[in-house]
């Protein structure tokens, strides 16, 4: 089974040249998760990136976050058949 890494960026506020992101917990043995600053373009937040699949989910709300967890992370199928970003 692939261990996924999630990067989570909220809609960012650029302050004095720094990005701010919401804190995200990290636990094992499930997916590793971490908050990040702006991943560019900034207007996609809240944004979840699932690696190593290179799948980007922009504008994530509670419903989409649950679908990412259930469909992508548990069942191994990206939500709505979303392609890898590098494939677009």
PDB file of N, CA and C in Angstrom:
ATOM      1  N   UNK A   1       0.843  -1.185   0.000  1.00  0.00           N
ATOM      2  CA  UNK A   1       0.000   0.000   0.000  1.00  0.00           C
ATOM      3  C   UNK A   1       0.885   1.244   0.000  1.00  0.00           C
ATOM      4  N   UNK A   2       0.538   2.208  -0.823  1.00  0.00           N
ATOM      5  CA  UNK A   2       1.277   3.459  -0.914  1.00  0.00           C
ATOM      6  C   UNK A   2       0.987   4.336   0.290  1.00  0.00           C
ATOM      7  N   UNK A   3       2.017   4.904   0.859  1.00  0.00           N
ATOM      8  CA  UNK A   3       1.821   5.893   1.923  1.00  0.00           C
ATOM      9  C   UNK A   3       1.762   7.254   1.255  1.00  0.00           C
ATOM     10  N   UNK A   4       0.653   7.930   1.438  1.00  0.00           N
ATOM     11  CA  UNK A   4       0.457   9.234   0.823  1.00  0.00           C
ATOM     12  C   UNK A   4       0.985  10.347   1.711  1.00  0.00           C
ATOM     13  N   UNK A   5       1.354  11.436   1.081  1.00  0.00           N
ATOM     14  CA  UNK A   5       1.738  12.659   1.770  1.00  0.00           C
ATOM     15  C   UNK A   5       0.770  13.731   1.308  1.00  0.00           C
ATOM     16  N   UNK A   6       0.134  14.411   2.253  1.00  0.00           N
ATOM     17  CA  UNK A   6      -0.810  15.473   1.940  1.00  0.00           C
ATOM     18  C   UNK A   6      -0.194  16.810   2.286  1.00  0.00           C
ATOM     19  N   UNK A   7      -0.269  17.735   1.361  1.00  0.00           N
ATOM     20  CA  UNK A   7       0.109  19.120   1.624  1.00  0.00           C
ATOM     21  C   UNK A   7      -1.181  19.918   1.637  1.00  0.00           C
ATOM     22  N   UNK A   8      -1.387  20.712   2.665  1.00  0.00           N
ATOM     23  CA  UNK A   8      -2.621  21.467   2.813  1.00  0.00           C
ATOM     24  C   UNK A   8      -2.287  22.943   2.914  1.00  0.00           C
ATOM     25  N   UNK A   9      -2.845  23.721   1.987  1.00  0.00           N
ATOM     26  CA  UNK A   9      -2.659  25.172   2.012  1.00  0.00           C
ATOM     27  C   UNK A   9      -4.026  25.821   2.012  1.00  0.00           C
ATOM     28  N   UNK A  10      -4.258  26.704   2.942  1.00  0.00           N
ATOM     29  CA  UNK A  10      -5.522  27.425   2.945  1.00  0.00           C
ATOM     30  C   UNK A  10      -5.380  28.612   2.019  1.00  0.00           C
ATOM     31  N   UNK A  11      -6.454  29.341   1.832  1.00  0.00           N
ATOM     32  CA  UNK A  11      -6.355  30.590   1.095  1.00  0.00           C
ATOM     33  C   UNK A  11      -5.369  31.444   1.874  1.00  0.00           C
ATOM     34  N   UNK A  12      -4.304  31.874   1.246  1.00  0.00           N
ATOM     35  CA  UNK A  12      -3.205  32.494   1.977  1.00  0.00           C
ATOM     36  C   UNK A  12      -3.358  33.990   2.104  1.00  0.00           C
ATOM     37  N   UNK A  13      -2.698  34.499   3.109  1.00  0.00           N
ATOM     38  CA  UNK A  13      -2.571  35.928   3.309  1.00  0.00           C
ATOM     39  C   UNK A  13      -1.088  36.234   3.264  1.00  0.00           C
ATOM     40  N   UNK A  14      -0.695  37.042   2.311  1.00  0.00           N
ATOM     41  CA  UNK A  14       0.714  37.414   2.218  1.00  0.00           C
ATOM     42  C   UNK A  14       0.956  38.603   3.135  1.00  0.00           C
ATOM     43  N   UNK A  15       1.783  38.377   4.144  1.00  0.00           N
ATOM     44  CA  UNK A  15       2.083  39.416   5.115  1.00  0.00           C
ATOM     45  C   UNK A  15       3.592  39.527   5.240  1.00  0.00           C
ATOM     46  N   UNK A  16       4.109  40.666   4.921  1.00  0.00           N
ATOM     47  CA  UNK A  16       5.547  40.920   5.032  1.00  0.00           C
ATOM     48  C   UNK A  16       6.350  39.844   4.319  1.00  0.00           C
ATOM     49  N   UNK A  17       5.832  39.390   3.168  1.00  0.00           N
ATOM     50  CA  UNK A  17       6.565  38.418   2.380  1.00  0.00           C
ATOM     51  C   UNK A  17       6.457  36.986   2.856  1.00  0.00           C
ATOM     52  N   UNK A  18       5.594  36.710   3.840  1.00  0.00           N
ATOM     53  CA  UNK A  18       5.453  35.353   4.361  1.00  0.00           C
ATOM     54  C   UNK A  18       4.048  34.850   4.108  1.00  0.00           C
ATOM     55  N   UNK A  19       3.918  33.559   3.858  1.00  0.00           N
ATOM     56  CA  UNK A  19       2.621  32.930   3.687  1.00  0.00           C
ATOM     57  C   UNK A  19       2.215  32.304   5.008  1.00  0.00           C
ATOM     58  N   UNK A  20       0.919  32.282   5.271  1.00  0.00           N
ATOM     59  CA  UNK A  20       0.429  31.612   6.454  1.00  0.00           C
ATOM     60  C   UNK A  20      -0.471  30.475   6.022  1.00  0.00           C
ATOM     61  N   UNK A  21      -0.426  29.370   6.729  1.00  0.00           N
ATOM     62  CA  UNK A  21      -1.280  28.223   6.413  1.00  0.00           C
ATOM     63  C   UNK A  21      -1.814  27.643   7.701  1.00  0.00           C
ATOM     64  N   UNK A  22      -2.970  27.004   7.602  1.00  0.00           N
ATOM     65  CA  UNK A  22      -3.587  26.374   8.759  1.00  0.00           C
ATOM     66  C   UNK A  22      -2.744  25.190   9.208  1.00  0.00           C
ATOM     67  N   UNK A  23      -2.670  24.970  10.491  1.00  0.00           N
ATOM     68  CA  UNK A  23      -1.937  23.828  11.018  1.00  0.00           C
ATOM     69  C   UNK A  23      -2.681  22.529  10.747  1.00  0.00           C
ATOM     70  N   UNK A  24      -1.942  21.493  10.435  1.00  0.00           N
ATOM     71  CA  UNK A  24      -2.527  20.184  10.157  1.00  0.00           C
ATOM     72  C   UNK A  24      -1.771  19.148  10.962  1.00  0.00           C
ATOM     73  N   UNK A  25      -2.499  18.248  11.585  1.00  0.00           N
ATOM     74  CA  UNK A  25      -1.861  17.212  12.393  1.00  0.00           C
ATOM     75  C   UNK A  25      -1.152  16.175  11.545  1.00  0.00           C
ATOM     76  N   UNK A  26      -0.265  15.433  12.169  1.00  0.00           N
ATOM     77  CA  UNK A  26       0.486  14.377  11.494  1.00  0.00           C
ATOM     78  C   UNK A  26       0.448  13.161  12.395  1.00  0.00           C
ATOM     79  N   UNK A  27       0.075  12.018  11.802  1.00  0.00           N
ATOM     80  CA  UNK A  27       0.054  10.797  12.592  1.00  0.00           C
ATOM     81  C   UNK A  27       0.446   9.624  11.701  1.00  0.00           C
ATOM     82  N   UNK A  28       0.987   8.602  12.295  1.00  0.00           N
ATOM     83  CA  UNK A  28       1.349   7.390  11.560  1.00  0.00           C
ATOM     84  C   UNK A  28       0.392   6.294  11.995  1.00  0.00           C
ATOM     85  N   UNK A  29       0.163   5.251  11.245  1.00  0.00           N
ATOM     86  CA  UNK A  29       0.787   4.873   9.988  1.00  0.00           C
ATOM     87  C   UNK A  29       0.046   5.389   8.756  1.00  0.00           C
ATOM     88  N   UNK A  30      -0.989   6.187   8.920  1.00  0.00           N
ATOM     89  CA  UNK A  30      -1.752   6.695   7.782  1.00  0.00           C
ATOM     90  C   UNK A  30      -0.971   7.727   7.006  1.00  0.00           C
ATOM     91  N   UNK A  31      -1.671   8.492   6.190  1.00  0.00           N
ATOM     92  CA  UNK A  31      -0.996   9.510   5.387  1.00  0.00           C
ATOM     93  C   UNK A  31      -0.292  10.540   6.261  1.00  0.00           C
ATOM     94  N   UNK A  32       0.860  10.980   5.821  1.00  0.00           N
ATOM     95  CA  UNK A  32       1.544  12.085   6.489  1.00  0.00           C
ATOM     96  C   UNK A  32       0.897  13.362   5.986  1.00  0.00           C
ATOM     97  N   UNK A  33       0.659  14.309   6.868  1.00  0.00           N
ATOM     98  CA  UNK A  33       0.011  15.557   6.470  1.00  0.00           C
ATOM     99  C   UNK A  33       0.787  16.726   7.028  1.00  0.00           C
ATOM    100  N   UNK A  34       0.865  17.789   6.256  1.00  0.00           N
ATOM    101  CA  UNK A  34       1.564  18.976   6.714  1.00  0.00           C
ATOM    102  C   UNK A  34       0.985  20.226   6.101  1.00  0.00           C
ATOM    103  N   UNK A  35       0.998  21.292   6.863  1.00  0.00           N
ATOM    104  CA  UNK A  35       0.549  22.581   6.361  1.00  0.00           C
ATOM    105  C   UNK A  35       1.674  23.211   5.565  1.00  0.00           C
ATOM    106  N   UNK A  36       1.306  23.962   4.566  1.00  0.00           N
ATOM    107  CA  UNK A  36       2.292  24.629   3.741  1.00  0.00           C
ATOM    108  C   UNK A  36       1.817  26.030   3.419  1.00  0.00           C
ATOM    109  N   UNK A  37       2.716  26.847   2.988  1.00  0.00           N
ATOM    110  CA  UNK A  37       2.348  28.177   2.523  1.00  0.00           C
ATOM    111  C   UNK A  37       1.783  28.090   1.123  1.00  0.00           C
ATOM    112  N   UNK A  38       1.747  29.175   0.452  1.00  0.00           N
ATOM    113  CA  UNK A  38       1.181  29.256  -0.889  1.00  0.00           C
ATOM    114  C   UNK A  38       1.907  28.303  -1.841  1.00  0.00           C
ATOM    115  N   UNK A  39       1.135  27.541  -2.608  1.00  0.00           N
ATOM    116  CA  UNK A  39       1.702  26.622  -3.589  1.00  0.00           C
ATOM    117  C   UNK A  39       1.607  27.188  -5.004  1.00  0.00           C
ATOM    118  N   UNK A  40       1.040  28.362  -5.145  1.00  0.00           N
ATOM    119  CA  UNK A  40       0.917  29.060  -6.423  1.00  0.00           C
ATOM    120  C   UNK A  40       0.116  28.253  -7.420  1.00  0.00           C
ATOM    121  N   UNK A  41      -0.905  28.721  -8.049  1.00  0.00           N
ATOM    122  CA  UNK A  41      -1.462  30.049  -7.822  1.00  0.00           C
ATOM    123  C   UNK A  41      -2.233  30.115  -6.508  1.00  0.00           C
ATOM    124  N   UNK A  42      -2.119  31.229  -5.875  1.00  0.00           N
ATOM    125  CA  UNK A  42      -2.644  31.404  -4.523  1.00  0.00           C
ATOM    126  C   UNK A  42      -4.169  31.336  -4.451  1.00  0.00           C
ATOM    127  N   UNK A  43      -4.851  31.579  -5.544  1.00  0.00           N
ATOM    128  CA  UNK A  43      -6.307  31.631  -5.507  1.00  0.00           C
ATOM    129  C   UNK A  43      -6.961  30.248  -5.506  1.00  0.00           C
ATOM    130  N   UNK A  44      -6.184  29.166  -5.384  1.00  0.00           N
ATOM    131  CA  UNK A  44      -6.749  27.821  -5.375  1.00  0.00           C
ATOM    132  C   UNK A  44      -7.094  27.328  -3.972  1.00  0.00           C
ATOM    133  N   UNK A  45      -6.706  28.072  -2.937  1.00  0.00           N
ATOM    134  CA  UNK A  45      -6.915  27.605  -1.577  1.00  0.00           C
ATOM    135  C   UNK A  45      -8.348  27.709  -1.118  1.00  0.00           C
ATOM    136  N   UNK A  46      -8.701  26.911  -0.139  1.00  0.00           N
ATOM    137  CA  UNK A  46      -7.913  25.846   0.464  1.00  0.00           C
ATOM    138  C   UNK A  46      -7.590  24.750  -0.553  1.00  0.00           C
ATOM    139  N   UNK A  47      -6.360  24.307  -0.527  1.00  0.00           N
ATOM    140  CA  UNK A  47      -5.834  23.385  -1.522  1.00  0.00           C
ATOM    141  C   UNK A  47      -5.227  22.174  -0.833  1.00  0.00           C
ATOM    142  N   UNK A  48      -5.539  20.981  -1.336  1.00  0.00           N
ATOM    143  CA  UNK A  48      -4.929  19.747  -0.839  1.00  0.00           C
ATOM    144  C   UNK A  48      -4.199  19.100  -2.002  1.00  0.00           C
ATOM    145  N   UNK A  49      -2.929  18.753  -1.795  1.00  0.00           N
ATOM    146  CA  UNK A  49      -2.126  18.057  -2.794  1.00  0.00           C
ATOM    147  C   UNK A  49      -1.798  16.677  -2.231  1.00  0.00           C
ATOM    148  N   UNK A  50      -2.059  15.636  -3.010  1.00  0.00           N
ATOM    149  CA  UNK A  50      -1.790  14.264  -2.577  1.00  0.00           C
ATOM    150  C   UNK A  50      -0.601  13.736  -3.368  1.00  0.00           C
ATOM    151  N   UNK A  51       0.473  13.438  -2.640  1.00  0.00           N
ATOM    152  CA  UNK A  51       1.661  12.833  -3.252  1.00  0.00           C
ATOM    153  C   UNK A  51       1.784  11.407  -2.764  1.00  0.00           C
ATOM    154  N   UNK A  52       2.309  10.467  -3.479  1.00  0.00           N
ATOM    155  CA  UNK A  52       3.076  10.641  -4.711  1.00  0.00           C
ATOM    156  C   UNK A  52       2.209  10.706  -5.968  1.00  0.00           C
ATOM    157  N   UNK A  53       0.891  10.785  -5.812  1.00  0.00           N
ATOM    158  CA  UNK A  53      -0.007  10.753  -6.964  1.00  0.00           C
ATOM    159  C   UNK A  53      -0.017  12.044  -7.775  1.00  0.00           C
ATOM    160  N   UNK A  54       0.459  13.150  -7.192  1.00  0.00           N
ATOM    161  CA  UNK A  54       0.472  14.464  -7.841  1.00  0.00           C
ATOM    162  C   UNK A  54      -0.930  14.910  -8.237  1.00  0.00           C
ATOM    163  N   UNK A  55      -1.888  14.683  -7.334  1.00  0.00           N
ATOM    164  CA  UNK A  55      -3.266  15.107  -7.552  1.00  0.00           C
ATOM    165  C   UNK A  55      -3.512  16.350  -6.711  1.00  0.00           C
ATOM    166  N   UNK A  56      -4.009  17.408  -7.349  1.00  0.00           N
ATOM    167  CA  UNK A  56      -4.289  18.677  -6.682  1.00  0.00           C
ATOM    168  C   UNK A  56      -5.802  18.860  -6.591  1.00  0.00           C
ATOM    169  N   UNK A  57      -6.273  19.168  -5.389  1.00  0.00           N
ATOM    170  CA  UNK A  57      -7.686  19.433  -5.150  1.00  0.00           C
ATOM    171  C   UNK A  57      -7.831  20.888  -4.692  1.00  0.00           C
ATOM    172  N   UNK A  58      -8.279  21.782  -5.572  1.00  0.00           N
ATOM    173  CA  UNK A  58      -8.456  23.185  -5.182  1.00  0.00           C
ATOM    174  C   UNK A  58      -9.806  23.411  -4.501  1.00  0.00           C
ATOM    175  N   UNK A  59      -9.890  24.499  -3.767  1.00  0.00           N
ATOM    176  CA  UNK A  59     -11.137  24.959  -3.146  1.00  0.00           C
ATOM    177  C   UNK A  59     -11.796  23.858  -2.311  1.00  0.00           C
ATOM    178  N   UNK A  60     -11.014  23.243  -1.432  1.00  0.00           N
ATOM    179  CA  UNK A  60     -11.501  22.113  -0.645  1.00  0.00           C
ATOM    180  C   UNK A  60     -12.400  22.597   0.492  1.00  0.00           C
ATOM    181  N   UNK A  61     -13.608  22.043   0.527  1.00  0.00           N
ATOM    182  CA  UNK A  61     -14.514  22.285   1.645  1.00  0.00           C
ATOM    183  C   UNK A  61     -14.654  20.969   2.421  1.00  0.00           C
ATOM    184  N   UNK A  62     -15.491  20.950   3.425  1.00  0.00           N
ATOM    185  CA  UNK A  62     -15.634  19.767   4.263  1.00  0.00           C
ATOM    186  C   UNK A  62     -16.081  18.552   3.459  1.00  0.00           C
ATOM    187  N   UNK A  63     -17.014  18.745   2.548  1.00  0.00           N
ATOM    188  CA  UNK A  63     -17.520  17.637   1.737  1.00  0.00           C
ATOM    189  C   UNK A  63     -16.418  17.045   0.867  1.00  0.00           C
ATOM    190  N   UNK A  64     -15.649  17.897   0.195  1.00  0.00           N
ATOM    191  CA  UNK A  64     -14.574  17.405  -0.661  1.00  0.00           C
ATOM    192  C   UNK A  64     -13.476  16.763   0.182  1.00  0.00           C
ATOM    193  N   UNK A  65     -13.176  17.311   1.347  1.00  0.00           N
ATOM    194  CA  UNK A  65     -12.154  16.714   2.223  1.00  0.00           C
ATOM    195  C   UNK A  65     -12.546  15.286   2.599  1.00  0.00           C
ATOM    196  N   UNK A  66     -13.817  15.066   2.894  1.00  0.00           N
ATOM    197  CA  UNK A  66     -14.285  13.702   3.210  1.00  0.00           C
ATOM    198  C   UNK A  66     -14.164  12.787   2.001  1.00  0.00           C
ATOM    199  N   UNK A  67     -14.478  13.298   0.818  1.00  0.00           N
ATOM    200  CA  UNK A  67     -14.367  12.481  -0.394  1.00  0.00           C
ATOM    201  C   UNK A  67     -12.911  12.139  -0.687  1.00  0.00           C
ATOM    202  N   UNK A  68     -12.005  13.090  -0.446  1.00  0.00           N
ATOM    203  CA  UNK A  68     -10.575  12.819  -0.644  1.00  0.00           C
ATOM    204  C   UNK A  68     -10.151  11.684   0.286  1.00  0.00           C
ATOM    205  N   UNK A  69     -10.560  11.763   1.546  1.00  0.00           N
ATOM    206  CA  UNK A  69     -10.194  10.729   2.517  1.00  0.00           C
ATOM    207  C   UNK A  69     -10.792   9.376   2.125  1.00  0.00           C
ATOM    208  N   UNK A  70     -12.083   9.362   1.797  1.00  0.00           N
ATOM    209  CA  UNK A  70     -12.758   8.093   1.507  1.00  0.00           C
ATOM    210  C   UNK A  70     -12.370   7.515   0.144  1.00  0.00           C
ATOM    211  N   UNK A  71     -12.487   8.330  -0.893  1.00  0.00           N
ATOM    212  CA  UNK A  71     -12.270   7.843  -2.263  1.00  0.00           C
ATOM    213  C   UNK A  71     -10.791   7.688  -2.602  1.00  0.00           C
ATOM    214  N   UNK A  72     -10.022   8.741  -2.352  1.00  0.00           N
ATOM    215  CA  UNK A  72      -8.629   8.740  -2.788  1.00  0.00           C
ATOM    216  C   UNK A  72      -7.728   7.976  -1.819  1.00  0.00           C
ATOM    217  N   UNK A  73      -7.774   8.327  -0.560  1.00  0.00           N
ATOM    218  CA  UNK A  73      -6.828   7.736   0.388  1.00  0.00           C
ATOM    219  C   UNK A  73      -7.206   6.318   0.805  1.00  0.00           C
ATOM    220  N   UNK A  74      -8.475   6.076   1.037  1.00  0.00           N
ATOM    221  CA  UNK A  74      -8.885   4.733   1.476  1.00  0.00           C
ATOM    222  C   UNK A  74      -9.096   3.776   0.304  1.00  0.00           C
ATOM    223  N   UNK A  75      -9.788   4.247  -0.747  1.00  0.00           N
ATOM    224  CA  UNK A  75     -10.137   3.362  -1.863  1.00  0.00           C
ATOM    225  C   UNK A  75      -9.114   3.408  -3.001  1.00  0.00           C
ATOM    226  N   UNK A  76      -8.235   4.406  -2.989  1.00  0.00           N
ATOM    227  CA  UNK A  76      -7.203   4.491  -4.017  1.00  0.00           C
ATOM    228  C   UNK A  76      -7.661   5.062  -5.348  1.00  0.00           C
ATOM    229  N   UNK A  77      -8.824   5.720  -5.358  1.00  0.00           N
ATOM    230  CA  UNK A  77      -9.356   6.305  -6.595  1.00  0.00           C
ATOM    231  C   UNK A  77      -9.483   7.811  -6.424  1.00  0.00           C
ATOM    232  N   UNK A  78      -8.728   8.599  -7.184  1.00  0.00           N
ATOM    233  CA  UNK A  78      -8.869  10.050  -7.078  1.00  0.00           C
ATOM    234  C   UNK A  78     -10.324  10.482  -7.278  1.00  0.00           C
ATOM    235  N   UNK A  79     -10.740  11.492  -6.560  1.00  0.00           N
ATOM    236  CA  UNK A  79     -12.106  11.995  -6.634  1.00  0.00           C
ATOM    237  C   UNK A  79     -12.424  12.387  -8.072  1.00  0.00           C
ATOM    238  N   UNK A  80     -13.550  11.904  -8.565  1.00  0.00           N
ATOM    239  CA  UNK A  80     -14.044  12.198  -9.912  1.00  0.00           C
ATOM    240  C   UNK A  80     -13.037  11.853 -11.001  1.00  0.00           C
ATOM    241  N   UNK A  81     -12.171  10.868 -10.744  1.00  0.00           N
ATOM    242  CA  UNK A  81     -11.215  10.451 -11.762  1.00  0.00           C
ATOM    243  C   UNK A  81     -10.190  11.506 -12.121  1.00  0.00           C
ATOM    244  N   UNK A  82      -9.958  12.418 -11.196  1.00  0.00           N
ATOM    245  CA  UNK A  82      -9.043  13.541 -11.422  1.00  0.00           C
ATOM    246  C   UNK A  82      -7.656  13.045 -11.854  1.00  0.00           C
ATOM    247  N   UNK A  83      -7.098  13.606 -12.939  1.00  0.00           N
ATOM    248  CA  UNK A  83      -5.770  13.171 -13.398  1.00  0.00           C
ATOM    249  C   UNK A  83      -4.646  13.822 -12.583  1.00  0.00           C
ATOM    250  N   UNK A  84      -3.473  13.239 -12.660  1.00  0.00           N
ATOM    251  CA  UNK A  84      -2.301  13.847 -12.023  1.00  0.00           C
ATOM    252  C   UNK A  84      -2.029  15.186 -12.677  1.00  0.00           C
ATOM    253  N   UNK A  85      -1.583  16.133 -11.878  1.00  0.00           N
ATOM    254  CA  UNK A  85      -1.312  17.482 -12.396  1.00  0.00           C
ATOM    255  C   UNK A  85      -0.261  17.444 -13.505  1.00  0.00           C
ATOM    256  N   UNK A  86       0.738  16.589 -13.348  1.00  0.00           N
ATOM    257  CA  UNK A  86       1.799  16.506 -14.361  1.00  0.00           C
ATOM    258  C   UNK A  86       1.271  15.946 -15.678  1.00  0.00           C
ATOM    259  N   UNK A  87       0.099  15.309 -15.639  1.00  0.00           N
ATOM    260  CA  UNK A  87      -0.493  14.749 -16.842  1.00  0.00           C
ATOM    261  C   UNK A  87      -1.422  15.693 -17.569  1.00  0.00           C
ATOM    262  N   UNK A  88      -1.553  16.931 -17.052  1.00  0.00           N
ATOM    263  CA  UNK A  88      -2.466  17.876 -17.694  1.00  0.00           C
ATOM    264  C   UNK A  88      -1.718  18.920 -18.449  1.00  0.00           C
TER     265      UNK A  88
END
